[in-house]
Amino acid sequence: MVAEQITRLRRNIEQVLIGKEETVKMVVAGLLARGHILLEDVPGVGKTTLAQALARSLDCSFRRIQCTPDLLPSDILGVSIYNPQKERFEFQPGPIFAHIVLADEINRATPRTQSSLSR
């Protein structure tokens, strides 16, 4: 039964991402291993599409972070903002609180910001 669900997941993703069967297989394996997945490839080959298709196939939330040198840890983690009507601070979660997060061009972020992506 579990094998059937995994096969269905792979086939669903492969309907969106044509010709990347091996990549889809490895991403699903990484997901099942509860690990992080590093996708390295040239621009425009469907890395974001793959992550979005995976999230949609699992009915999960998806967020993409475009890493830049000026990106701060609070841009990823979120921040508490004062609400004067309620007279208290309210936490506004950052994109890291999604089920599936794609951090694009992570090498451009500072080491401090990169560390906010780890568990």
PDB file of N, CA and C in Angstrom:
ATOM      1  N   MET A   1       0.812  -1.190   0.000  1.00  0.00           N
ATOM      2  CA  MET A   1       0.000   0.000   0.000  1.00  0.00           C
ATOM      3  C   MET A   1       0.864   1.266   0.000  1.00  0.00           C
ATOM      4  N   VAL A   2       1.886   1.317   0.829  1.00  0.00           N
ATOM      5  CA  VAL A   2       2.778   2.476   0.867  1.00  0.00           C
ATOM      6  C   VAL A   2       3.511   2.608  -0.464  1.00  0.00           C
ATOM      7  N   ALA A   3       3.947   1.489  -1.022  1.00  0.00           N
ATOM      8  CA  ALA A   3       4.641   1.516  -2.306  1.00  0.00           C
ATOM      9  C   ALA A   3       3.738   2.087  -3.401  1.00  0.00           C
ATOM     10  N   GLU A   4       2.459   1.778  -3.349  1.00  0.00           N
ATOM     11  CA  GLU A   4       1.505   2.308  -4.321  1.00  0.00           C
ATOM     12  C   GLU A   4       1.381   3.829  -4.175  1.00  0.00           C
ATOM     13  N   GLN A   5       1.356   4.314  -2.942  1.00  0.00           N
ATOM     14  CA  GLN A   5       1.246   5.750  -2.698  1.00  0.00           C
ATOM     15  C   GLN A   5       2.493   6.483  -3.188  1.00  0.00           C
ATOM     16  N   ILE A   6       3.642   5.882  -2.978  1.00  0.00           N
ATOM     17  CA  ILE A   6       4.899   6.483  -3.447  1.00  0.00           C
ATOM     18  C   ILE A   6       4.917   6.525  -4.968  1.00  0.00           C
ATOM     19  N   THR A   7       4.491   5.454  -5.598  1.00  0.00           N
ATOM     20  CA  THR A   7       4.436   5.408  -7.061  1.00  0.00           C
ATOM     21  C   THR A   7       3.466   6.458  -7.583  1.00  0.00           C
ATOM     22  N   ARG A   8       2.318   6.604  -6.931  1.00  0.00           N
ATOM     23  CA  ARG A   8       1.339   7.611  -7.331  1.00  0.00           C
ATOM     24  C   ARG A   8       1.910   9.024  -7.186  1.00  0.00           C
ATOM     25  N   LEU A   9       2.646   9.258  -6.098  1.00  0.00           N
ATOM     26  CA  LEU A   9       3.282  10.552  -5.879  1.00  0.00           C
ATOM     27  C   LEU A   9       4.278  10.851  -6.990  1.00  0.00           C
ATOM     28  N   ARG A  10       5.122   9.880  -7.286  1.00  0.00           N
ATOM     29  CA  ARG A  10       6.123  10.078  -8.352  1.00  0.00           C
ATOM     30  C   ARG A  10       5.457  10.352  -9.696  1.00  0.00           C
ATOM     31  N   ARG A  11       4.448   9.582 -10.020  1.00  0.00           N
ATOM     32  CA  ARG A  11       3.758   9.763 -11.313  1.00  0.00           C
ATOM     33  C   ARG A  11       3.071  11.123 -11.386  1.00  0.00           C
ATOM     34  N   ASN A  12       2.510  11.556 -10.287  1.00  0.00           N
ATOM     35  CA  ASN A  12       1.859  12.860 -10.264  1.00  0.00           C
ATOM     36  C   ASN A  12       2.863  13.976 -10.528  1.00  0.00           C
ATOM     37  N   ILE A  13       4.013  13.912  -9.910  1.00  0.00           N
ATOM     38  CA  ILE A  13       5.056  14.922 -10.115  1.00  0.00           C
ATOM     39  C   ILE A  13       5.598  14.836 -11.539  1.00  0.00           C
ATOM     40  N   GLU A  14       5.775  13.629 -12.040  1.00  0.00           N
ATOM     41  CA  GLU A  14       6.312  13.438 -13.392  1.00  0.00           C
ATOM     42  C   GLU A  14       5.360  13.930 -14.477  1.00  0.00           C
ATOM     43  N   GLN A  15       4.083  14.106 -14.171  1.00  0.00           N
ATOM     44  CA  GLN A  15       3.153  14.703 -15.132  1.00  0.00           C
ATOM     45  C   GLN A  15       3.469  16.177 -15.352  1.00  0.00           C
ATOM     46  N   VAL A  16       4.008  16.808 -14.329  1.00  0.00           N
ATOM     47  CA  VAL A  16       4.349  18.227 -14.412  1.00  0.00           C
ATOM     48  C   VAL A  16       5.776  18.412 -14.908  1.00  0.00           C
ATOM     49  N   LEU A  17       6.686  17.596 -14.445  1.00  0.00           N
ATOM     50  CA  LEU A  17       8.104  17.714 -14.766  1.00  0.00           C
ATOM     51  C   LEU A  17       8.487  16.560 -15.687  1.00  0.00           C
ATOM     52  N   ILE A  18       8.422  16.785 -16.967  1.00  0.00           N
ATOM     53  CA  ILE A  18       8.643  15.752 -17.983  1.00  0.00           C
ATOM     54  C   ILE A  18      10.143  15.490 -18.149  1.00  0.00           C
ATOM     55  N   GLY A  19      10.513  14.207 -18.203  1.00  0.00           N
ATOM     56  CA  GLY A  19      11.888  13.823 -18.518  1.00  0.00           C
ATOM     57  C   GLY A  19      12.865  13.878 -17.362  1.00  0.00           C
ATOM     58  N   LYS A  20      12.390  14.012 -16.164  1.00  0.00           N
ATOM     59  CA  LYS A  20      13.271  14.088 -14.983  1.00  0.00           C
ATOM     60  C   LYS A  20      12.931  12.982 -13.991  1.00  0.00           C
ATOM     61  N   GLU A  21      12.702  11.776 -14.493  1.00  0.00           N
ATOM     62  CA  GLU A  21      12.268  10.668 -13.640  1.00  0.00           C
ATOM     63  C   GLU A  21      13.258  10.359 -12.526  1.00  0.00           C
ATOM     64  N   GLU A  22      14.540  10.346 -12.857  1.00  0.00           N
ATOM     65  CA  GLU A  22      15.569  10.024 -11.860  1.00  0.00           C
ATOM     66  C   GLU A  22      15.632  11.098 -10.768  1.00  0.00           C
ATOM     67  N   THR A  23      15.521  12.343 -11.166  1.00  0.00           N
ATOM     68  CA  THR A  23      15.520  13.439 -10.192  1.00  0.00           C
ATOM     69  C   THR A  23      14.317  13.339  -9.260  1.00  0.00           C
ATOM     70  N   VAL A  24      13.146  13.067  -9.841  1.00  0.00           N
ATOM     71  CA  VAL A  24      11.926  12.922  -9.038  1.00  0.00           C
ATOM     72  C   VAL A  24      12.083  11.762  -8.066  1.00  0.00           C
ATOM     73  N   LYS A  25      12.646  10.670  -8.538  1.00  0.00           N
ATOM     74  CA  LYS A  25      12.864   9.495  -7.683  1.00  0.00           C
ATOM     75  C   LYS A  25      13.761   9.848  -6.492  1.00  0.00           C
ATOM     76  N   MET A  26      14.825  10.571  -6.747  1.00  0.00           N
ATOM     77  CA  MET A  26      15.756  10.941  -5.681  1.00  0.00           C
ATOM     78  C   MET A  26      15.138  11.954  -4.704  1.00  0.00           C
ATOM     79  N   VAL A  27      14.338  12.876  -5.207  1.00  0.00           N
ATOM     80  CA  VAL A  27      13.676  13.851  -4.333  1.00  0.00           C
ATOM     81  C   VAL A  27      12.683  13.145  -3.416  1.00  0.00           C
ATOM     82  N   VAL A  28      11.925  12.216  -3.962  1.00  0.00           N
ATOM     83  CA  VAL A  28      10.972  11.459  -3.138  1.00  0.00           C
ATOM     84  C   VAL A  28      11.723  10.628  -2.095  1.00  0.00           C
ATOM     85  N   ALA A  29      12.857  10.058  -2.481  1.00  0.00           N
ATOM     86  CA  ALA A  29      13.667   9.292  -1.528  1.00  0.00           C
ATOM     87  C   ALA A  29      14.175  10.199  -0.405  1.00  0.00           C
ATOM     88  N   GLY A  30      14.619  11.403  -0.751  1.00  0.00           N
ATOM     89  CA  GLY A  30      15.063  12.363   0.262  1.00  0.00           C
ATOM     90  C   GLY A  30      13.941  12.769   1.193  1.00  0.00           C
ATOM     91  N   LEU A  31      12.751  12.925   0.635  1.00  0.00           N
ATOM     92  CA  LEU A  31      11.582  13.251   1.438  1.00  0.00           C
ATOM     93  C   LEU A  31      11.263  12.127   2.419  1.00  0.00           C
ATOM     94  N   LEU A  32      11.282  10.898   1.934  1.00  0.00           N
ATOM     95  CA  LEU A  32      10.991   9.752   2.795  1.00  0.00           C
ATOM     96  C   LEU A  32      12.053   9.558   3.876  1.00  0.00           C
ATOM     97  N   ALA A  33      13.281   9.968   3.581  1.00  0.00           N
ATOM     98  CA  ALA A  33      14.368   9.870   4.556  1.00  0.00           C
ATOM     99  C   ALA A  33      14.349  11.044   5.543  1.00  0.00           C
ATOM    100  N   ARG A  34      13.385  11.945   5.360  1.00  0.00           N
ATOM    101  CA  ARG A  34      13.221  13.125   6.210  1.00  0.00           C
ATOM    102  C   ARG A  34      14.455  14.015   6.195  1.00  0.00           C
ATOM    103  N   GLY A  35      15.072  14.119   5.017  1.00  0.00           N
ATOM    104  CA  GLY A  35      16.282  14.909   4.888  1.00  0.00           C
ATOM    105  C   GLY A  35      16.076  16.170   4.086  1.00  0.00           C
ATOM    106  N   HIS A  36      17.144  16.923   3.983  1.00  0.00           N
ATOM    107  CA  HIS A  36      17.157  18.097   3.126  1.00  0.00           C
ATOM    108  C   HIS A  36      17.623  17.647   1.746  1.00  0.00           C
ATOM    109  N   ILE A  37      17.192  18.340   0.732  1.00  0.00           N
ATOM    110  CA  ILE A  37      17.526  17.966  -0.638  1.00  0.00           C
ATOM    111  C   ILE A  37      18.238  19.152  -1.276  1.00  0.00           C
ATOM    112  N   LEU A  38      19.392  18.905  -1.858  1.00  0.00           N
ATOM    113  CA  LEU A  38      20.146  19.939  -2.558  1.00  0.00           C
ATOM    114  C   LEU A  38      20.054  19.647  -4.045  1.00  0.00           C
ATOM    115  N   LEU A  39      19.436  20.554  -4.780  1.00  0.00           N
ATOM    116  CA  LEU A  39      19.320  20.418  -6.227  1.00  0.00           C
ATOM    117  C   LEU A  39      20.267  21.406  -6.877  1.00  0.00           C
ATOM    118  N   GLU A  40      21.241  20.893  -7.575  1.00  0.00           N
ATOM    119  CA  GLU A  40      22.180  21.739  -8.289  1.00  0.00           C
ATOM    120  C   GLU A  40      22.002  21.481  -9.779  1.00  0.00           C
ATOM    121  N   ASP A  41      21.741  22.540 -10.528  1.00  0.00           N
ATOM    122  CA  ASP A  41      21.567  22.414 -11.964  1.00  0.00           C
ATOM    123  C   ASP A  41      21.605  23.810 -12.561  1.00  0.00           C
ATOM    124  N   VAL A  42      21.642  23.875 -13.861  1.00  0.00           N
ATOM    125  CA  VAL A  42      21.652  25.156 -14.553  1.00  0.00           C
ATOM    126  C   VAL A  42      20.274  25.809 -14.414  1.00  0.00           C
ATOM    127  N   PRO A  43      20.198  27.116 -14.593  1.00  0.00           N
ATOM    128  CA  PRO A  43      18.902  27.791 -14.488  1.00  0.00           C
ATOM    129  C   PRO A  43      17.918  27.311 -15.564  1.00  0.00           C
ATOM    130  N   GLY A  44      16.653  27.282 -15.185  1.00  0.00           N
ATOM    131  CA  GLY A  44      15.597  27.010 -16.146  1.00  0.00           C
ATOM    132  C   GLY A  44      15.291  25.554 -16.440  1.00  0.00           C
ATOM    133  N   VAL A  45      15.693  24.653 -15.544  1.00  0.00           N
ATOM    134  CA  VAL A  45      15.431  23.230 -15.794  1.00  0.00           C
ATOM    135  C   VAL A  45      14.313  22.669 -14.921  1.00  0.00           C
ATOM    136  N   GLY A  46      13.686  23.496 -14.093  1.00  0.00           N
ATOM    137  CA  GLY A  46      12.508  23.057 -13.365  1.00  0.00           C
ATOM    138  C   GLY A  46      12.682  22.755 -11.895  1.00  0.00           C
ATOM    139  N   LYS A  47      13.691  23.307 -11.244  1.00  0.00           N
ATOM    140  CA  LYS A  47      13.869  23.032  -9.814  1.00  0.00           C
ATOM    141  C   LYS A  47      12.701  23.587  -8.996  1.00  0.00           C
ATOM    142  N   THR A  48      12.287  24.808  -9.293  1.00  0.00           N
ATOM    143  CA  THR A  48      11.159  25.403  -8.580  1.00  0.00           C
ATOM    144  C   THR A  48       9.870  24.658  -8.916  1.00  0.00           C
ATOM    145  N   THR A  49       9.701  24.307 -10.171  1.00  0.00           N
ATOM    146  CA  THR A  49       8.520  23.555 -10.589  1.00  0.00           C
ATOM    147  C   THR A  49       8.455  22.213  -9.874  1.00  0.00           C
ATOM    148  N   LEU A  50       9.595  21.562  -9.717  1.00  0.00           N
ATOM    149  CA  LEU A  50       9.657  20.287  -9.002  1.00  0.00           C
ATOM    150  C   LEU A  50       9.222  20.463  -7.547  1.00  0.00           C
ATOM    151  N   ALA A  51       9.734  21.469  -6.883  1.00  0.00           N
ATOM    152  CA  ALA A  51       9.373  21.707  -5.482  1.00  0.00           C
ATOM    153  C   ALA A  51       7.893  22.058  -5.345  1.00  0.00           C
ATOM    154  N   GLN A  52       7.373  22.870  -6.253  1.00  0.00           N
ATOM    155  CA  GLN A  52       5.953  23.223  -6.214  1.00  0.00           C
ATOM    156  C   GLN A  52       5.077  21.999  -6.473  1.00  0.00           C
ATOM    157  N   ALA A  53       5.458  21.180  -7.443  1.00  0.00           N
ATOM    158  CA  ALA A  53       4.686  19.977  -7.758  1.00  0.00           C
ATOM    159  C   ALA A  53       4.692  19.009  -6.580  1.00  0.00           C
ATOM    160  N   LEU A  54       5.826  18.882  -5.908  1.00  0.00           N
ATOM    161  CA  LEU A  54       5.910  18.027  -4.732  1.00  0.00           C
ATOM    162  C   LEU A  54       4.969  18.531  -3.635  1.00  0.00           C
ATOM    163  N   ALA A  55       5.000  19.836  -3.382  1.00  0.00           N
ATOM    164  CA  ALA A  55       4.140  20.415  -2.354  1.00  0.00           C
ATOM    165  C   ALA A  55       2.662  20.235  -2.700  1.00  0.00           C
ATOM    166  N   ARG A  56       2.307  20.491  -3.939  1.00  0.00           N
ATOM    167  CA  ARG A  56       0.902  20.336  -4.344  1.00  0.00           C
ATOM    168  C   ARG A  56       0.470  18.880  -4.282  1.00  0.00           C
ATOM    169  N   SER A  57       1.344  17.982  -4.667  1.00  0.00           N
ATOM    170  CA  SER A  57       1.011  16.555  -4.647  1.00  0.00           C
ATOM    171  C   SER A  57       0.769  16.055  -3.234  1.00  0.00           C
ATOM    172  N   LEU A  58       1.432  16.660  -2.277  1.00  0.00           N
ATOM    173  CA  LEU A  58       1.286  16.266  -0.871  1.00  0.00           C
ATOM    174  C   LEU A  58       0.317  17.165  -0.114  1.00  0.00           C
ATOM    175  N   ASP A  59      -0.283  18.127  -0.803  1.00  0.00           N
ATOM    176  CA  ASP A  59      -1.183  19.102  -0.187  1.00  0.00           C
ATOM    177  C   ASP A  59      -0.479  19.836   0.954  1.00  0.00           C
ATOM    178  N   CYS A  60       0.731  20.323   0.654  1.00  0.00           N
ATOM    179  CA  CYS A  60       1.565  21.027   1.633  1.00  0.00           C
ATOM    180  C   CYS A  60       1.751  22.481   1.210  1.00  0.00           C
ATOM    181  N   SER A  61       2.135  23.301   2.162  1.00  0.00           N
ATOM    182  CA  SER A  61       2.452  24.692   1.842  1.00  0.00           C
ATOM    183  C   SER A  61       3.848  24.752   1.227  1.00  0.00           C
ATOM    184  N   PHE A  62       4.046  25.728   0.345  1.00  0.00           N
ATOM    185  CA  PHE A  62       5.325  25.900  -0.352  1.00  0.00           C
ATOM    186  C   PHE A  62       5.704  27.364  -0.311  1.00  0.00           C
ATOM    187  N   ARG A  63       6.971  27.630  -0.023  1.00  0.00           N
ATOM    188  CA  ARG A  63       7.510  28.988  -0.071  1.00  0.00           C
ATOM    189  C   ARG A  63       8.885  28.940  -0.712  1.00  0.00           C
ATOM    190  N   ARG A  64       9.193  29.994  -1.439  1.00  0.00           N
ATOM    191  CA  ARG A  64      10.493  30.117  -2.098  1.00  0.00           C
ATOM    192  C   ARG A  64      11.208  31.327  -1.514  1.00  0.00           C
ATOM    193  N   ILE A  65      12.473  31.143  -1.204  1.00  0.00           N
ATOM    194  CA  ILE A  65      13.297  32.225  -0.667  1.00  0.00           C
ATOM    195  C   ILE A  65      14.379  32.512  -1.699  1.00  0.00           C
ATOM    196  N   GLN A  66      14.432  33.735  -2.178  1.00  0.00           N
ATOM    197  CA  GLN A  66      15.488  34.146  -3.091  1.00  0.00           C
ATOM    198  C   GLN A  66      16.613  34.727  -2.241  1.00  0.00           C
ATOM    199  N   CYS A  67      17.695  34.007  -2.130  1.00  0.00           N
ATOM    200  CA  CYS A  67      18.804  34.446  -1.278  1.00  0.00           C
ATOM    201  C   CYS A  67      19.612  35.539  -1.975  1.00  0.00           C
ATOM    202  N   THR A  68      19.872  36.594  -1.245  1.00  0.00           N
ATOM    203  CA  THR A  68      20.671  37.713  -1.716  1.00  0.00           C
ATOM    204  C   THR A  68      21.617  38.119  -0.593  1.00  0.00           C
ATOM    205  N   PRO A  69      22.667  38.889  -0.905  1.00  0.00           N
ATOM    206  CA  PRO A  69      23.601  39.301   0.153  1.00  0.00           C
ATOM    207  C   PRO A  69      22.954  40.140   1.252  1.00  0.00           C
ATOM    208  N   ASP A  70      21.857  40.843   0.953  1.00  0.00           N
ATOM    209  CA  ASP A  70      21.221  41.681   1.964  1.00  0.00           C
ATOM    210  C   ASP A  70      20.077  40.990   2.703  1.00  0.00           C
ATOM    211  N   LEU A  71      19.858  39.699   2.446  1.00  0.00           N
ATOM    212  CA  LEU A  71      18.815  38.939   3.137  1.00  0.00           C
ATOM    213  C   LEU A  71      19.216  38.737   4.597  1.00  0.00           C
ATOM    214  N   LEU A  72      18.299  38.999   5.508  1.00  0.00           N
ATOM    215  CA  LEU A  72      18.568  38.864   6.941  1.00  0.00           C
ATOM    216  C   LEU A  72      17.887  37.628   7.506  1.00  0.00           C
ATOM    217  N   PRO A  73      18.403  37.083   8.619  1.00  0.00           N
ATOM    218  CA  PRO A  73      17.736  35.936   9.246  1.00  0.00           C
ATOM    219  C   PRO A  73      16.260  36.197   9.550  1.00  0.00           C
ATOM    220  N   SER A  74      15.917  37.419   9.943  1.00  0.00           N
ATOM    221  CA  SER A  74      14.514  37.739  10.247  1.00  0.00           C
ATOM    222  C   SER A  74      13.637  37.676   8.991  1.00  0.00           C
ATOM    223  N   ASP A  75      14.232  37.867   7.810  1.00  0.00           N
ATOM    224  CA  ASP A  75      13.478  37.735   6.566  1.00  0.00           C
ATOM    225  C   ASP A  75      13.056  36.287   6.339  1.00  0.00           C
ATOM    226  N   ILE A  76      13.780  35.358   6.923  1.00  0.00           N
ATOM    227  CA  ILE A  76      13.493  33.930   6.772  1.00  0.00           C
ATOM    228  C   ILE A  76      12.664  33.428   7.948  1.00  0.00           C
ATOM    229  N   LEU A  77      13.041  33.816   9.157  1.00  0.00           N
ATOM    230  CA  LEU A  77      12.391  33.307  10.365  1.00  0.00           C
ATOM    231  C   LEU A  77      11.086  34.017  10.694  1.00  0.00           C
ATOM    232  N   GLY A  78      11.009  35.279  10.378  1.00  0.00           N
ATOM    233  CA  GLY A  78       9.843  36.078  10.730  1.00  0.00           C
ATOM    234  C   GLY A  78      10.213  37.114  11.770  1.00  0.00           C
ATOM    235  N   VAL A  79       9.234  37.925  12.133  1.00  0.00           N
ATOM    236  CA  VAL A  79       9.509  39.031  13.038  1.00  0.00           C
ATOM    237  C   VAL A  79       8.250  39.343  13.848  1.00  0.00           C
ATOM    238  N   SER A  80       8.443  39.886  15.045  1.00  0.00           N
ATOM    239  CA  SER A  80       7.321  40.343  15.864  1.00  0.00           C
ATOM    240  C   SER A  80       7.094  41.825  15.584  1.00  0.00           C
ATOM    241  N   ILE A  81       5.851  42.158  15.249  1.00  0.00           N
ATOM    242  CA  ILE A  81       5.491  43.539  14.915  1.00  0.00           C
ATOM    243  C   ILE A  81       4.450  44.015  15.914  1.00  0.00           C
ATOM    244  N   TYR A  82       4.646  45.233  16.390  1.00  0.00           N
ATOM    245  CA  TYR A  82       3.722  45.797  17.370  1.00  0.00           C
ATOM    246  C   TYR A  82       2.409  46.176  16.696  1.00  0.00           C
ATOM    247  N   ASN A  83       1.306  45.723  17.281  1.00  0.00           N
ATOM    248  CA  ASN A  83      -0.037  46.054  16.818  1.00  0.00           C
ATOM    249  C   ASN A  83      -0.632  47.044  17.811  1.00  0.00           C
ATOM    250  N   PRO A  84      -0.732  48.325  17.430  1.00  0.00           N
ATOM    251  CA  PRO A  84      -1.217  49.329  18.382  1.00  0.00           C
ATOM    252  C   PRO A  84      -2.680  49.141  18.793  1.00  0.00           C
ATOM    253  N   GLN A  85      -3.512  48.560  17.908  1.00  0.00           N
ATOM    254  CA  GLN A  85      -4.916  48.337  18.266  1.00  0.00           C
ATOM    255  C   GLN A  85      -5.037  47.306  19.386  1.00  0.00           C
ATOM    256  N   LYS A  86      -4.224  46.271  19.343  1.00  0.00           N
ATOM    257  CA  LYS A  86      -4.265  45.219  20.365  1.00  0.00           C
ATOM    258  C   LYS A  86      -3.271  45.476  21.500  1.00  0.00           C
ATOM    259  N   GLU A  87      -2.430  46.485  21.322  1.00  0.00           N
ATOM    260  CA  GLU A  87      -1.409  46.854  22.294  1.00  0.00           C
ATOM    261  C   GLU A  87      -0.508  45.682  22.669  1.00  0.00           C
ATOM    262  N   ARG A  88      -0.064  44.969  21.659  1.00  0.00           N
ATOM    263  CA  ARG A  88       0.853  43.847  21.880  1.00  0.00           C
ATOM    264  C   ARG A  88       1.602  43.527  20.583  1.00  0.00           C
ATOM    265  N   PHE A  89       2.659  42.752  20.735  1.00  0.00           N
ATOM    266  CA  PHE A  89       3.422  42.313  19.582  1.00  0.00           C
ATOM    267  C   PHE A  89       2.783  41.059  18.997  1.00  0.00           C
ATOM    268  N   GLU A  90       2.772  40.971  17.683  1.00  0.00           N
ATOM    269  CA  GLU A  90       2.251  39.796  16.988  1.00  0.00           C
ATOM    270  C   GLU A  90       3.340  39.238  16.085  1.00  0.00           C
ATOM    271  N   PHE A  91       3.516  37.946  16.161  1.00  0.00           N
ATOM    272  CA  PHE A  91       4.546  37.290  15.356  1.00  0.00           C
ATOM    273  C   PHE A  91       4.048  37.096  13.928  1.00  0.00           C
ATOM    274  N   GLN A  92       4.838  37.560  12.990  1.00  0.00           N
ATOM    275  CA  GLN A  92       4.561  37.356  11.564  1.00  0.00           C
ATOM    276  C   GLN A  92       5.569  36.317  11.062  1.00  0.00           C
ATOM    277  N   PRO A  93       5.133  35.071  10.874  1.00  0.00           N
ATOM    278  CA  PRO A  93       6.088  34.018  10.494  1.00  0.00           C
ATOM    279  C   PRO A  93       6.686  34.250   9.115  1.00  0.00           C
ATOM    280  N   GLY A  94       7.926  33.854   8.990  1.00  0.00           N
ATOM    281  CA  GLY A  94       8.615  33.955   7.717  1.00  0.00           C
ATOM    282  C   GLY A  94       8.386  32.723   6.866  1.00  0.00           C
ATOM    283  N   PRO A  95       9.002  32.669   5.708  1.00  0.00           N
ATOM    284  CA  PRO A  95       8.774  31.563   4.775  1.00  0.00           C
ATOM    285  C   PRO A  95       9.283  30.207   5.270  1.00  0.00           C
ATOM    286  N   ILE A  96      10.138  30.193   6.267  1.00  0.00           N
ATOM    287  CA  ILE A  96      10.679  28.924   6.767  1.00  0.00           C
ATOM    288  C   ILE A  96       9.597  28.070   7.431  1.00  0.00           C
ATOM    289  N   PHE A  97       8.454  28.666   7.744  1.00  0.00           N
ATOM    290  CA  PHE A  97       7.378  27.938   8.402  1.00  0.00           C
ATOM    291  C   PHE A  97       6.472  27.190   7.425  1.00  0.00           C
ATOM    292  N   ALA A  98       6.858  27.105   6.174  1.00  0.00           N
ATOM    293  CA  ALA A  98       6.113  26.307   5.194  1.00  0.00           C
ATOM    294  C   ALA A  98       6.562  24.854   5.295  1.00  0.00           C
ATOM    295  N   HIS A  99       5.747  23.954   4.766  1.00  0.00           N
ATOM    296  CA  HIS A  99       6.115  22.535   4.765  1.00  0.00           C
ATOM    297  C   HIS A  99       7.302  22.266   3.844  1.00  0.00           C
ATOM    298  N   ILE A 100       7.280  22.876   2.662  1.00  0.00           N
ATOM    299  CA  ILE A 100       8.374  22.706   1.707  1.00  0.00           C
ATOM    300  C   ILE A 100       8.907  24.089   1.376  1.00  0.00           C
ATOM    301  N   VAL A 101      10.205  24.281   1.592  1.00  0.00           N
ATOM    302  CA  VAL A 101      10.854  25.570   1.379  1.00  0.00           C
ATOM    303  C   VAL A 101      11.968  25.391   0.361  1.00  0.00           C
ATOM    304  N   LEU A 102      11.963  26.236  -0.658  1.00  0.00           N
ATOM    305  CA  LEU A 102      13.034  26.247  -1.650  1.00  0.00           C
ATOM    306  C   LEU A 102      13.873  27.485  -1.409  1.00  0.00           C
ATOM    307  N   ALA A 103      15.128  27.304  -1.062  1.00  0.00           N
ATOM    308  CA  ALA A 103      16.059  28.423  -0.892  1.00  0.00           C
ATOM    309  C   ALA A 103      16.921  28.474  -2.150  1.00  0.00           C
ATOM    310  N   ASP A 104      16.636  29.456  -2.986  1.00  0.00           N
ATOM    311  CA  ASP A 104      17.311  29.572  -4.275  1.00  0.00           C
ATOM    312  C   ASP A 104      18.571  30.425  -4.145  1.00  0.00           C
ATOM    313  N   GLU A 105      19.626  29.967  -4.762  1.00  0.00           N
ATOM    314  CA  GLU A 105      20.929  30.646  -4.769  1.00  0.00           C
ATOM    315  C   GLU A 105      21.429  30.919  -3.352  1.00  0.00           C
ATOM    316  N   ILE A 106      21.417  29.873  -2.547  1.00  0.00           N
ATOM    317  CA  ILE A 106      21.784  29.994  -1.128  1.00  0.00           C
ATOM    318  C   ILE A 106      23.216  30.501  -0.937  1.00  0.00           C
ATOM    319  N   ASN A 107      24.076  30.225  -1.907  1.00  0.00           N
ATOM    320  CA  ASN A 107      25.471  30.659  -1.794  1.00  0.00           C
ATOM    321  C   ASN A 107      25.610  32.180  -1.787  1.00  0.00           C
ATOM    322  N   ARG A 108      24.596  32.906  -2.202  1.00  0.00           N
ATOM    323  CA  ARG A 108      24.661  34.373  -2.208  1.00  0.00           C
ATOM    324  C   ARG A 108      24.343  34.987  -0.853  1.00  0.00           C
ATOM    325  N   ALA A 109      23.713  34.221   0.020  1.00  0.00           N
ATOM    326  CA  ALA A 109      23.361  34.732   1.361  1.00  0.00           C
ATOM    327  C   ALA A 109      24.589  34.688   2.264  1.00  0.00           C
ATOM    328  N   THR A 110      24.575  35.522   3.283  1.00  0.00           N
ATOM    329  CA  THR A 110      25.675  35.528   4.247  1.00  0.00           C
ATOM    330  C   THR A 110      25.622  34.251   5.093  1.00  0.00           C
ATOM    331  N   PRO A 111      26.748  33.849   5.682  1.00  0.00           N
ATOM    332  CA  PRO A 111      26.740  32.655   6.537  1.00  0.00           C
ATOM    333  C   PRO A 111      25.729  32.751   7.681  1.00  0.00           C
ATOM    334  N   ARG A 112      25.568  33.914   8.256  1.00  0.00           N
ATOM    335  CA  ARG A 112      24.608  34.102   9.343  1.00  0.00           C
ATOM    336  C   ARG A 112      23.182  33.823   8.861  1.00  0.00           C
ATOM    337  N   THR A 113      22.873  34.303   7.682  1.00  0.00           N
ATOM    338  CA  THR A 113      21.536  34.070   7.120  1.00  0.00           C
ATOM    339  C   THR A 113      21.369  32.604   6.732  1.00  0.00           C
ATOM    340  N   GLN A 114      22.403  32.001   6.181  1.00  0.00           N
ATOM    341  CA  GLN A 114      22.342  30.580   5.824  1.00  0.00           C
ATOM    342  C   GLN A 114      22.064  29.721   7.056  1.00  0.00           C
ATOM    343  N   SER A 115      22.620  30.122   8.190  1.00  0.00           N
ATOM    344  CA  SER A 115      22.427  29.327   9.415  1.00  0.00           C
ATOM    345  C   SER A 115      20.976  29.375   9.883  1.00  0.00           C
ATOM    346  N   SER A 116      20.211  30.381   9.499  1.00  0.00           N
ATOM    347  CA  SER A 116      18.803  30.445   9.891  1.00  0.00           C
ATOM    348  C   SER A 116      17.960  29.425   9.132  1.00  0.00           C
ATOM    349  N   LEU A 117      18.533  28.812   8.115  1.00  0.00           N
ATOM    350  CA  LEU A 117      17.828  27.779   7.346  1.00  0.00           C
ATOM    351  C   LEU A 117      17.981  26.393   7.950  1.00  0.00           C
ATOM    352  N   SER A 118      18.897  26.214   8.876  1.00  0.00           N
ATOM    353  CA  SER A 118      19.110  24.887   9.462  1.00  0.00           C
ATOM    354  C   SER A 118      18.138  24.655  10.606  1.00  0.00           C
ATOM    355  N   ARG A 119      17.966  23.401  10.951  1.00  0.00           N
ATOM    356  CA  ARG A 119      17.011  23.086  12.013  1.00  0.00           C
ATOM    357  C   ARG A 119      17.526  23.558  13.327  1.00  0.00           C
TER     358      ARG A 119
END
